[in-house]
Amino acid sequence: AILEPAIGAFVVAAFWYIIRREEIGGVHVALFVAVSYTPFSIFRRSLTTIPRSLRANQAFYAYQQVKPFDSITAQFVIEVTLILIGGTLLMFALWWFLDLSIKTDQIPQFLGMLALMAIGGFGMSLFLGTYGMIYPVIMKIVGTFSVGMMFLCAVMHPLSELPTKASYALSWNPIVHIEEKLREYGLGMEPDPNITLA
């Protein structure tokens, strides 16, 4: 889990380099992808691994002191901590080797968006964990769907580069709003006019 942000960002950045694109919205591709992929990784891991911890730790629920909420909370803290460490190491590597860094004038807002993404992932994991225990097929559907979520959450591209109808359709996804705000606060990119946190 600690290498997931670096590996995911590397694969997506390599995709952009293969099609000979070095900047997205005036920002280097590697930095754009690193800022976009790390929060998305928190959300995706929350949806896929945390609800599975309920089923994996089911034997411990026989003890009165252990509650299912404890399992989800512990798994969530571990996952988020590892991903944030990996994302921090990725940002450090980008700064060290490529002299790329995020803007530091809006760090509290940037961290607030990261926290909002983590809280949203935790809430969805509680929901999916509860219903995944009752209906196991839900976890199979979420696992399959999580692969394509990268395109539906605007991780690889800003909304401003999409056609108007596609941009409007994706603006219904709350994760897209958080991703666009993260880019605004961390990279100084102008968000799409449809983006709001209200």
C-alpha atoms as a PDB file:
ATOM      1  CA  ALA A   1       0.000   0.000   0.000  1.00  0.00           C
ATOM      2  CA  ILE A   2       2.889   2.379   0.629  1.00  0.00           C
ATOM      3  CA  LEU A   3       4.063   2.133  -2.988  1.00  0.00           C
ATOM      4  CA  GLU A   4       0.598   2.324  -4.542  1.00  0.00           C
ATOM      5  CA  PRO A   5       0.586   6.104  -5.132  1.00  0.00           C
ATOM      6  CA  ALA A   6       4.033   5.982  -6.745  1.00  0.00           C
ATOM      7  CA  ILE A   7       3.267   2.978  -8.942  1.00  0.00           C
ATOM      8  CA  GLY A   8      -0.144   4.302  -9.993  1.00  0.00           C
ATOM      9  CA  ALA A   9       1.220   7.775 -10.728  1.00  0.00           C
ATOM     10  CA  PHE A  10       4.112   6.270 -12.684  1.00  0.00           C
ATOM     11  CA  VAL A  11       1.781   4.166 -14.863  1.00  0.00           C
ATOM     12  CA  VAL A  12      -0.566   7.071 -15.613  1.00  0.00           C
ATOM     13  CA  ALA A  13       2.323   9.495 -16.263  1.00  0.00           C
ATOM     14  CA  ALA A  14       3.925   6.906 -18.565  1.00  0.00           C
ATOM     15  CA  PHE A  15       0.655   6.751 -20.490  1.00  0.00           C
ATOM     16  CA  TRP A  16       0.802  10.524 -21.030  1.00  0.00           C
ATOM     17  CA  TYR A  17       4.472  10.376 -22.031  1.00  0.00           C
ATOM     18  CA  ILE A  18       3.757   7.624 -24.562  1.00  0.00           C
ATOM     19  CA  ILE A  19       1.282   9.895 -26.332  1.00  0.00           C
ATOM     20  CA  ARG A  20       3.908  12.684 -26.118  1.00  0.00           C
ATOM     21  CA  ARG A  21       2.231  14.989 -23.678  1.00  0.00           C
ATOM     22  CA  GLU A  22       4.387  16.643 -21.036  1.00  0.00           C
ATOM     23  CA  GLU A  23       1.986  19.201 -19.538  1.00  0.00           C
ATOM     24  CA  ILE A  24      -1.657  19.265 -18.517  1.00  0.00           C
ATOM     25  CA  GLY A  25      -3.070  22.731 -17.973  1.00  0.00           C
ATOM     26  CA  GLY A  26       0.429  24.197 -17.682  1.00  0.00           C
ATOM     27  CA  VAL A  27       1.495  21.663 -15.013  1.00  0.00           C
ATOM     28  CA  HIS A  28       4.070  18.905 -15.548  1.00  0.00           C
ATOM     29  CA  VAL A  29       2.336  15.568 -16.126  1.00  0.00           C
ATOM     30  CA  ALA A  30       4.140  13.782 -13.292  1.00  0.00           C
ATOM     31  CA  LEU A  31       3.103  16.424 -10.730  1.00  0.00           C
ATOM     32  CA  PHE A  32      -0.469  16.569 -12.062  1.00  0.00           C
ATOM     33  CA  VAL A  33      -0.846  12.802 -11.793  1.00  0.00           C
ATOM     34  CA  ALA A  34       0.798  12.622  -8.350  1.00  0.00           C
ATOM     35  CA  VAL A  35      -1.563  15.250  -6.924  1.00  0.00           C
ATOM     36  CA  SER A  36      -4.580  13.565  -8.535  1.00  0.00           C
ATOM     37  CA  TYR A  37      -3.767   9.911  -7.902  1.00  0.00           C
ATOM     38  CA  THR A  38      -2.823   9.981  -4.203  1.00  0.00           C
ATOM     39  CA  PRO A  39      -6.248  11.200  -2.912  1.00  0.00           C
ATOM     40  CA  PHE A  40      -8.030   8.952  -5.381  1.00  0.00           C
ATOM     41  CA  SER A  41      -5.962   6.062  -4.048  1.00  0.00           C
ATOM     42  CA  ILE A  42      -7.241   6.797  -0.529  1.00  0.00           C
ATOM     43  CA  PHE A  43     -10.827   6.667  -1.753  1.00  0.00           C
ATOM     44  CA  ARG A  44     -10.362   3.554  -3.897  1.00  0.00           C
ATOM     45  CA  ARG A  45      -8.582   1.603  -1.171  1.00  0.00           C
ATOM     46  CA  SER A  46     -11.336   2.589   1.257  1.00  0.00           C
ATOM     47  CA  LEU A  47     -13.942   1.134  -1.073  1.00  0.00           C
ATOM     48  CA  THR A  48     -12.134  -2.104  -1.839  1.00  0.00           C
ATOM     49  CA  THR A  49     -10.043  -3.227   1.144  1.00  0.00           C
ATOM     50  CA  ILE A  50     -11.740  -1.800   4.212  1.00  0.00           C
ATOM     51  CA  PRO A  51     -15.146  -3.519   3.785  1.00  0.00           C
ATOM     52  CA  ARG A  52     -13.326  -6.816   3.168  1.00  0.00           C
ATOM     53  CA  SER A  53     -11.722  -6.501   6.597  1.00  0.00           C
ATOM     54  CA  LEU A  54     -15.160  -7.121   8.127  1.00  0.00           C
ATOM     55  CA  ARG A  55     -15.312 -10.569   6.599  1.00  0.00           C
ATOM     56  CA  ALA A  56     -11.626 -11.313   7.215  1.00  0.00           C
ATOM     57  CA  ASN A  57     -11.854 -10.480  10.938  1.00  0.00           C
ATOM     58  CA  GLN A  58     -15.209 -12.162  11.530  1.00  0.00           C
ATOM     59  CA  ALA A  59     -13.726 -14.703  13.968  1.00  0.00           C
ATOM     60  CA  PHE A  60     -12.731 -11.912  16.368  1.00  0.00           C
ATOM     61  CA  TYR A  61     -16.329 -10.733  16.761  1.00  0.00           C
ATOM     62  CA  ALA A  62     -16.980 -13.627  19.130  1.00  0.00           C
ATOM     63  CA  TYR A  63     -15.070 -11.616  21.735  1.00  0.00           C
ATOM     64  CA  GLN A  64     -17.245  -9.094  23.506  1.00  0.00           C
ATOM     65  CA  GLN A  65     -14.610  -6.342  23.370  1.00  0.00           C
ATOM     66  CA  VAL A  66     -14.224  -6.471  19.565  1.00  0.00           C
ATOM     67  CA  LYS A  67     -16.825  -4.709  17.434  1.00  0.00           C
ATOM     68  CA  PRO A  68     -17.034  -4.637  13.614  1.00  0.00           C
ATOM     69  CA  PHE A  69     -16.530  -0.872  13.728  1.00  0.00           C
ATOM     70  CA  ASP A  70     -13.117  -1.471  15.353  1.00  0.00           C
ATOM     71  CA  SER A  71     -12.051  -3.600  12.405  1.00  0.00           C
ATOM     72  CA  ILE A  72     -13.058  -0.994   9.844  1.00  0.00           C
ATOM     73  CA  THR A  73     -11.518   1.879  11.792  1.00  0.00           C
ATOM     74  CA  ALA A  74      -8.207   0.093  12.310  1.00  0.00           C
ATOM     75  CA  GLN A  75      -7.979  -0.912   8.654  1.00  0.00           C
ATOM     76  CA  PHE A  76      -8.888   2.615   7.556  1.00  0.00           C
ATOM     77  CA  VAL A  77      -6.215   4.251   9.723  1.00  0.00           C
ATOM     78  CA  ILE A  78      -3.580   1.820   8.446  1.00  0.00           C
ATOM     79  CA  GLU A  79      -4.550   2.276   4.793  1.00  0.00           C
ATOM     80  CA  VAL A  80      -4.713   6.080   4.933  1.00  0.00           C
ATOM     81  CA  THR A  81      -1.446   6.331   6.848  1.00  0.00           C
ATOM     82  CA  LEU A  82       0.402   4.108   4.379  1.00  0.00           C
ATOM     83  CA  ILE A  83      -1.011   5.923   1.353  1.00  0.00           C
ATOM     84  CA  LEU A  84      -0.183   9.340   2.808  1.00  0.00           C
ATOM     85  CA  ILE A  85       3.377   8.204   3.562  1.00  0.00           C
ATOM     86  CA  GLY A  86       3.663   6.881   0.016  1.00  0.00           C
ATOM     87  CA  GLY A  87       2.215  10.104  -1.415  1.00  0.00           C
ATOM     88  CA  THR A  88       4.620  12.197   0.661  1.00  0.00           C
ATOM     89  CA  LEU A  89       7.566  10.115  -0.538  1.00  0.00           C
ATOM     90  CA  LEU A  90       6.315  10.512  -4.115  1.00  0.00           C
ATOM     91  CA  MET A  91       6.126  14.308  -3.728  1.00  0.00           C
ATOM     92  CA  PHE A  92       9.605  14.326  -2.193  1.00  0.00           C
ATOM     93  CA  ALA A  93      10.965  12.261  -5.105  1.00  0.00           C
ATOM     94  CA  LEU A  94       9.367  14.629  -7.629  1.00  0.00           C
ATOM     95  CA  TRP A  95      10.919  17.583  -5.847  1.00  0.00           C
ATOM     96  CA  TRP A  96      14.316  15.929  -5.468  1.00  0.00           C
ATOM     97  CA  PHE A  97      14.734  14.486  -8.972  1.00  0.00           C
ATOM     98  CA  LEU A  98      12.546  16.681 -11.200  1.00  0.00           C
ATOM     99  CA  ASP A  99      12.420  19.920  -9.166  1.00  0.00           C
ATOM    100  CA  LEU A 100       8.605  19.804  -9.145  1.00  0.00           C
ATOM    101  CA  SER A 101       6.585  20.830  -6.110  1.00  0.00           C
ATOM    102  CA  ILE A 102       3.057  21.807  -5.173  1.00  0.00           C
ATOM    103  CA  LYS A 103       2.121  25.359  -4.298  1.00  0.00           C
ATOM    104  CA  THR A 104       2.467  26.034  -0.582  1.00  0.00           C
ATOM    105  CA  ASP A 105       0.279  29.129  -0.212  1.00  0.00           C
ATOM    106  CA  GLN A 106      -2.938  27.099   0.224  1.00  0.00           C
ATOM    107  CA  ILE A 107      -1.712  24.052   2.165  1.00  0.00           C
ATOM    108  CA  PRO A 108      -4.546  24.136   4.775  1.00  0.00           C
ATOM    109  CA  GLN A 109      -7.171  24.016   2.016  1.00  0.00           C
ATOM    110  CA  PHE A 110      -5.228  21.254   0.254  1.00  0.00           C
ATOM    111  CA  LEU A 111      -5.045  19.178   3.439  1.00  0.00           C
ATOM    112  CA  GLY A 112      -8.739  19.866   4.051  1.00  0.00           C
ATOM    113  CA  MET A 113      -9.581  18.387   0.648  1.00  0.00           C
ATOM    114  CA  LEU A 114      -7.451  15.331   1.456  1.00  0.00           C
ATOM    115  CA  ALA A 115      -9.342  14.941   4.730  1.00  0.00           C
ATOM    116  CA  LEU A 116     -12.671  15.332   2.909  1.00  0.00           C
ATOM    117  CA  MET A 117     -11.664  12.586   0.471  1.00  0.00           C
ATOM    118  CA  ALA A 118     -10.656  10.313   3.366  1.00  0.00           C
ATOM    119  CA  ILE A 119     -13.908  10.974   5.260  1.00  0.00           C
ATOM    120  CA  GLY A 120     -15.941  10.286   2.128  1.00  0.00           C
ATOM    121  CA  GLY A 121     -14.066   7.031   1.598  1.00  0.00           C
ATOM    122  CA  PHE A 122     -14.602   6.018   5.207  1.00  0.00           C
ATOM    123  CA  GLY A 123     -18.343   6.716   4.975  1.00  0.00           C
ATOM    124  CA  MET A 124     -18.653   4.693   1.781  1.00  0.00           C
ATOM    125  CA  SER A 125     -16.643   1.853   3.315  1.00  0.00           C
ATOM    126  CA  LEU A 126     -19.030   1.694   6.270  1.00  0.00           C
ATOM    127  CA  PHE A 127     -21.983   1.506   3.899  1.00  0.00           C
ATOM    128  CA  LEU A 128     -20.382  -1.068   1.594  1.00  0.00           C
ATOM    129  CA  GLY A 129     -19.039  -3.105   4.500  1.00  0.00           C
ATOM    130  CA  THR A 130     -22.473  -3.366   6.076  1.00  0.00           C
ATOM    131  CA  TYR A 131     -24.282  -4.371   2.914  1.00  0.00           C
ATOM    132  CA  GLY A 132     -21.331  -6.405   1.641  1.00  0.00           C
ATOM    133  CA  MET A 133     -21.719  -8.710   4.635  1.00  0.00           C
ATOM    134  CA  ILE A 134     -25.394  -9.252   3.802  1.00  0.00           C
ATOM    135  CA  TYR A 135     -24.953  -9.412   0.003  1.00  0.00           C
ATOM    136  CA  PRO A 136     -21.426 -10.621  -0.938  1.00  0.00           C
ATOM    137  CA  VAL A 137     -22.013  -9.827  -4.612  1.00  0.00           C
ATOM    138  CA  ILE A 138     -21.757  -6.105  -3.754  1.00  0.00           C
ATOM    139  CA  MET A 139     -18.037  -6.444  -3.035  1.00  0.00           C
ATOM    140  CA  LYS A 140     -17.465  -8.201  -6.366  1.00  0.00           C
ATOM    141  CA  ILE A 141     -19.259  -5.385  -8.185  1.00  0.00           C
ATOM    142  CA  VAL A 142     -17.281  -2.700  -6.327  1.00  0.00           C
ATOM    143  CA  GLY A 143     -13.995  -4.489  -7.075  1.00  0.00           C
ATOM    144  CA  THR A 144     -14.814  -4.568 -10.775  1.00  0.00           C
ATOM    145  CA  PHE A 145     -16.098  -1.000 -10.822  1.00  0.00           C
ATOM    146  CA  SER A 146     -13.069   0.416  -8.995  1.00  0.00           C
ATOM    147  CA  VAL A 147     -10.861  -0.200 -12.038  1.00  0.00           C
ATOM    148  CA  GLY A 148     -12.844   2.225 -14.197  1.00  0.00           C
ATOM    149  CA  MET A 149     -13.324   4.777 -11.446  1.00  0.00           C
ATOM    150  CA  MET A 150     -10.088   6.482 -12.439  1.00  0.00           C
ATOM    151  CA  PHE A 151     -11.750   7.758 -15.608  1.00  0.00           C
ATOM    152  CA  LEU A 152     -15.042   8.645 -13.914  1.00  0.00           C
ATOM    153  CA  CYS A 153     -13.291  10.599 -11.140  1.00  0.00           C
ATOM    154  CA  ALA A 154     -11.200  12.792 -13.483  1.00  0.00           C
ATOM    155  CA  VAL A 155      -7.876  11.540 -12.145  1.00  0.00           C
ATOM    156  CA  MET A 156      -6.157  11.438 -15.532  1.00  0.00           C
ATOM    157  CA  HIS A 157      -7.544  14.673 -16.921  1.00  0.00           C
ATOM    158  CA  PRO A 158      -9.062  17.965 -15.767  1.00  0.00           C
ATOM    159  CA  LEU A 159     -12.705  18.641 -16.578  1.00  0.00           C
ATOM    160  CA  SER A 160     -11.714  21.686 -18.634  1.00  0.00           C
ATOM    161  CA  GLU A 161     -10.229  19.408 -21.319  1.00  0.00           C
ATOM    162  CA  LEU A 162     -13.396  17.381 -21.793  1.00  0.00           C
ATOM    163  CA  PRO A 163     -16.306  18.208 -24.082  1.00  0.00           C
ATOM    164  CA  THR A 164     -19.061  20.244 -22.408  1.00  0.00           C
ATOM    165  CA  LYS A 165     -21.535  17.359 -22.101  1.00  0.00           C
ATOM    166  CA  ALA A 166     -18.936  14.983 -20.660  1.00  0.00           C
ATOM    167  CA  SER A 167     -17.741  17.665 -18.251  1.00  0.00           C
ATOM    168  CA  TYR A 168     -21.299  18.284 -17.086  1.00  0.00           C
ATOM    169  CA  ALA A 169     -21.977  14.559 -16.658  1.00  0.00           C
ATOM    170  CA  LEU A 170     -18.823  14.037 -14.580  1.00  0.00           C
ATOM    171  CA  SER A 171     -19.601  17.095 -12.476  1.00  0.00           C
ATOM    172  CA  TRP A 172     -22.350  15.030 -10.802  1.00  0.00           C
ATOM    173  CA  ASN A 173     -19.627  12.897  -9.204  1.00  0.00           C
ATOM    174  CA  PRO A 174     -18.597  14.433  -5.839  1.00  0.00           C
ATOM    175  CA  ILE A 175     -15.110  12.908  -6.110  1.00  0.00           C
ATOM    176  CA  VAL A 176     -14.525  14.995  -9.247  1.00  0.00           C
ATOM    177  CA  HIS A 177     -15.244  18.158  -7.247  1.00  0.00           C
ATOM    178  CA  ILE A 178     -12.666  17.196  -4.633  1.00  0.00           C
ATOM    179  CA  GLU A 179     -10.091  16.294  -7.297  1.00  0.00           C
ATOM    180  CA  GLU A 180     -10.574  19.626  -9.068  1.00  0.00           C
ATOM    181  CA  LYS A 181     -10.294  21.553  -5.790  1.00  0.00           C
ATOM    182  CA  LEU A 182      -7.129  19.626  -4.896  1.00  0.00           C
ATOM    183  CA  ARG A 183      -5.615  20.717  -8.209  1.00  0.00           C
ATOM    184  CA  GLU A 184      -6.708  24.286  -7.591  1.00  0.00           C
ATOM    185  CA  TYR A 185      -5.132  24.421  -4.124  1.00  0.00           C
ATOM    186  CA  GLY A 186      -2.054  22.299  -4.837  1.00  0.00           C
ATOM    187  CA  LEU A 187      -1.232  23.204  -8.431  1.00  0.00           C
ATOM    188  CA  GLY A 188      -2.932  26.555  -8.975  1.00  0.00           C
ATOM    189  CA  MET A 189      -5.083  25.190 -11.817  1.00  0.00           C
ATOM    190  CA  GLU A 190      -8.377  26.908 -12.509  1.00  0.00           C
ATOM    191  CA  PRO A 191     -11.294  24.526 -11.774  1.00  0.00           C
ATOM    192  CA  ASP A 192     -14.191  23.924 -14.130  1.00  0.00           C
ATOM    193  CA  PRO A 193     -17.113  26.372 -13.691  1.00  0.00           C
ATOM    194  CA  ASN A 194     -19.401  23.468 -12.671  1.00  0.00           C
ATOM    195  CA  ILE A 195     -17.188  22.702  -9.635  1.00  0.00           C
ATOM    196  CA  THR A 196     -18.406  23.776  -6.233  1.00  0.00           C
ATOM    197  CA  LEU A 197     -18.238  22.442  -2.708  1.00  0.00           C
ATOM    198  CA  ALA A 198     -21.522  24.022  -1.618  1.00  0.00           C
END
